PDB file of N, CA and C in Angstrom:
ATOM      1  N   MET A   1       2.350  -2.697 -17.529  1.00  0.00           N
ATOM      2  CA  MET A   1       2.854  -1.340 -17.266  1.00  0.00           C
ATOM      3  C   MET A   1       2.585  -0.932 -15.812  1.00  0.00           C
ATOM      4  N   LYS A   2       3.481  -0.138 -15.273  1.00  0.00           N
ATOM      5  CA  LYS A   2       3.322   0.294 -13.880  1.00  0.00           C
ATOM      6  C   LYS A   2       2.336   1.447 -13.779  1.00  0.00           C
ATOM      7  N   ARG A   3       1.637   1.499 -12.652  1.00  0.00           N
ATOM      8  CA  ARG A   3       0.691   2.590 -12.418  1.00  0.00           C
ATOM      9  C   ARG A   3       1.053   3.302 -11.117  1.00  0.00           C
ATOM     10  N   PRO A   4       1.938   4.284 -11.188  1.00  0.00           N
ATOM     11  CA  PRO A   4       2.427   4.994  -9.997  1.00  0.00           C
ATOM     12  C   PRO A   4       1.292   5.606  -9.173  1.00  0.00           C
ATOM     13  N   SER A   5       0.289   6.144  -9.846  1.00  0.00           N
ATOM     14  CA  SER A   5      -0.806   6.803  -9.133  1.00  0.00           C
ATOM     15  C   SER A   5      -1.535   5.805  -8.236  1.00  0.00           C
ATOM     16  N   ARG A   6      -1.650   4.572  -8.709  1.00  0.00           N
ATOM     17  CA  ARG A   6      -2.348   3.555  -7.927  1.00  0.00           C
ATOM     18  C   ARG A   6      -1.507   3.140  -6.718  1.00  0.00           C
ATOM     19  N   VAL A   7      -0.202   3.051  -6.926  1.00  0.00           N
ATOM     20  CA  VAL A   7       0.702   2.693  -5.831  1.00  0.00           C
ATOM     21  C   VAL A   7       0.713   3.784  -4.770  1.00  0.00           C
ATOM     22  N   ILE A   8       0.767   5.047  -5.205  1.00  0.00           N
ATOM     23  CA  ILE A   8       0.758   6.177  -4.279  1.00  0.00           C
ATOM     24  C   ILE A   8      -0.535   6.185  -3.467  1.00  0.00           C
ATOM     25  N   PHE A   9      -1.644   5.867  -4.126  1.00  0.00           N
ATOM     26  CA  PHE A   9      -2.931   5.816  -3.430  1.00  0.00           C
ATOM     27  C   PHE A   9      -2.904   4.754  -2.334  1.00  0.00           C
ATOM     28  N   LEU A  10      -2.340   3.601  -2.651  1.00  0.00           N
ATOM     29  CA  LEU A  10      -2.275   2.519  -1.670  1.00  0.00           C
ATOM     30  C   LEU A  10      -1.374   2.893  -0.503  1.00  0.00           C
ATOM     31  N   LEU A  11      -0.260   3.560  -0.797  1.00  0.00           N
ATOM     32  CA  LEU A  11       0.662   3.972   0.261  1.00  0.00           C
ATOM     33  C   LEU A  11       0.024   5.028   1.148  1.00  0.00           C
ATOM     34  N   THR A  12      -0.737   5.934   0.530  1.00  0.00           N
ATOM     35  CA  THR A  12      -1.418   6.971   1.299  1.00  0.00           C
ATOM     36  C   THR A  12      -2.478   6.347   2.202  1.00  0.00           C
ATOM     37  N   PHE A  13      -3.253   5.432   1.638  1.00  0.00           N
ATOM     38  CA  PHE A  13      -4.268   4.734   2.417  1.00  0.00           C
ATOM     39  C   PHE A  13      -3.626   3.931   3.539  1.00  0.00           C
ATOM     40  N   ASN A  14      -2.487   3.334   3.236  1.00  0.00           N
ATOM     41  CA  ASN A  14      -1.769   2.531   4.220  1.00  0.00           C
ATOM     42  C   ASN A  14      -1.277   3.383   5.375  1.00  0.00           C
ATOM     43  N   SER A  15      -0.745   4.564   5.076  1.00  0.00           N
ATOM     44  CA  SER A  15      -0.215   5.434   6.129  1.00  0.00           C
ATOM     45  C   SER A  15      -1.322   5.881   7.082  1.00  0.00           C
ATOM     46  N   ILE A  16      -2.526   6.091   6.532  1.00  0.00           N
ATOM     47  CA  ILE A  16      -3.667   6.469   7.373  1.00  0.00           C
ATOM     48  C   ILE A  16      -4.126   5.264   8.206  1.00  0.00           C
ATOM     49  N   TYR A  17      -4.141   4.104   7.583  1.00  0.00           N
ATOM     50  CA  TYR A  17      -4.592   2.888   8.262  1.00  0.00           C
ATOM     51  C   TYR A  17      -3.596   2.436   9.317  1.00  0.00           C
ATOM     52  N   ASN A  18      -2.333   2.823   9.134  1.00  0.00           N
ATOM     53  CA  ASN A  18      -1.278   2.436  10.071  1.00  0.00           C
ATOM     54  C   ASN A  18      -1.570   2.877  11.484  1.00  0.00           C
ATOM     55  N   GLU A  19      -2.267   3.987  11.623  1.00  0.00           N
ATOM     56  CA  GLU A  19      -2.534   4.531  12.947  1.00  0.00           C
ATOM     57  C   GLU A  19      -3.371   3.565  13.789  1.00  0.00           C
ATOM     58  N   LYS A  20      -4.178   2.741  13.142  1.00  0.00           N
ATOM     59  CA  LYS A  20      -5.052   1.829  13.876  1.00  0.00           C
ATOM     60  C   LYS A  20      -4.448   0.425  13.984  1.00  0.00           C
ATOM     61  N   ASN A  21      -3.844  -0.046  12.888  1.00  0.00           N
ATOM     62  CA  ASN A  21      -3.311  -1.409  12.908  1.00  0.00           C
ATOM     63  C   ASN A  21      -2.040  -1.481  12.063  1.00  0.00           C
ATOM     64  N   ILE A  22      -0.896  -1.376  12.729  1.00  0.00           N
ATOM     65  CA  ILE A  22       0.376  -1.253  12.005  1.00  0.00           C
ATOM     66  C   ILE A  22       0.788  -2.562  11.329  1.00  0.00           C
ATOM     67  N   GLN A  23       0.823  -3.644  12.066  1.00  0.00           N
ATOM     68  CA  GLN A  23       1.381  -4.889  11.547  1.00  0.00           C
ATOM     69  C   GLN A  23       0.622  -5.422  10.329  1.00  0.00           C
ATOM     70  N   LYS A  24      -0.703  -5.387  10.365  1.00  0.00           N
ATOM     71  CA  LYS A  24      -1.486  -5.918   9.250  1.00  0.00           C
ATOM     72  C   LYS A  24      -1.344  -5.048   8.002  1.00  0.00           C
ATOM     73  N   SER A  25      -1.285  -3.733   8.182  1.00  0.00           N
ATOM     74  CA  SER A  25      -1.279  -2.821   7.051  1.00  0.00           C
ATOM     75  C   SER A  25       0.078  -2.777   6.351  1.00  0.00           C
ATOM     76  N   LEU A  26       1.135  -3.171   7.054  1.00  0.00           N
ATOM     77  CA  LEU A  26       2.474  -3.110   6.460  1.00  0.00           C
ATOM     78  C   LEU A  26       2.624  -4.094   5.306  1.00  0.00           C
ATOM     79  N   SER A  27       2.091  -5.298   5.446  1.00  0.00           N
ATOM     80  CA  SER A  27       2.266  -6.320   4.419  1.00  0.00           C
ATOM     81  C   SER A  27       1.328  -6.110   3.235  1.00  0.00           C
ATOM     82  N   PHE A  28       0.247  -5.361   3.434  1.00  0.00           N
ATOM     83  CA  PHE A  28      -0.751  -5.179   2.378  1.00  0.00           C
ATOM     84  C   PHE A  28      -0.227  -4.407   1.162  1.00  0.00           C
ATOM     85  N   PRO A  29       0.286  -3.172   1.314  1.00  0.00           N
ATOM     86  CA  PRO A  29       0.723  -2.405   0.149  1.00  0.00           C
ATOM     87  C   PRO A  29       1.924  -3.032  -0.541  1.00  0.00           C
ATOM     88  N   ILE A  30       2.756  -3.734   0.224  1.00  0.00           N
ATOM     89  CA  ILE A  30       3.932  -4.381  -0.366  1.00  0.00           C
ATOM     90  C   ILE A  30       3.498  -5.467  -1.346  1.00  0.00           C
ATOM     91  N   ALA A  31       2.520  -6.264  -0.960  1.00  0.00           N
ATOM     92  CA  ALA A  31       2.038  -7.340  -1.812  1.00  0.00           C
ATOM     93  C   ALA A  31       1.382  -6.777  -3.071  1.00  0.00           C
ATOM     94  N   ILE A  32       0.585  -5.723  -2.905  1.00  0.00           N
ATOM     95  CA  ILE A  32      -0.101  -5.111  -4.039  1.00  0.00           C
ATOM     96  C   ILE A  32       0.901  -4.492  -5.004  1.00  0.00           C
ATOM     97  N   THR A  33       1.926  -3.853  -4.468  1.00  0.00           N
ATOM     98  CA  THR A  33       2.939  -3.217  -5.314  1.00  0.00           C
ATOM     99  C   THR A  33       3.666  -4.259  -6.153  1.00  0.00           C
ATOM    100  N   GLU A  34       3.952  -5.411  -5.564  1.00  0.00           N
ATOM    101  CA  GLU A  34       4.636  -6.470  -6.298  1.00  0.00           C
ATOM    102  C   GLU A  34       3.773  -6.995  -7.439  1.00  0.00           C
ATOM    103  N   VAL A  35       2.479  -7.063  -7.215  1.00  0.00           N
ATOM    104  CA  VAL A  35       1.558  -7.534  -8.257  1.00  0.00           C
ATOM    105  C   VAL A  35       1.481  -6.519  -9.393  1.00  0.00           C
ATOM    106  N   LEU A  36       1.438  -5.232  -9.049  1.00  0.00           N
ATOM    107  CA  LEU A  36       1.333  -4.189 -10.065  1.00  0.00           C
ATOM    108  C   LEU A  36       2.595  -4.110 -10.916  1.00  0.00           C
ATOM    109  N   ASP A  37       3.754  -4.386 -10.295  1.00  0.00           N
ATOM    110  CA  ASP A  37       5.010  -4.349 -11.039  1.00  0.00           C
ATOM    111  C   ASP A  37       5.053  -5.510 -12.017  1.00  0.00           C
TER     112      ASP A  37
END
């Protein structure tokens, strides 16, 4: 089953982390989202 709240948390964390390191943080939430789906 999907967990939207967990995905939203990762995206929120990613957007904050993006300010320091964009390229590394972009691939992280995408991979996690695919696993959760």
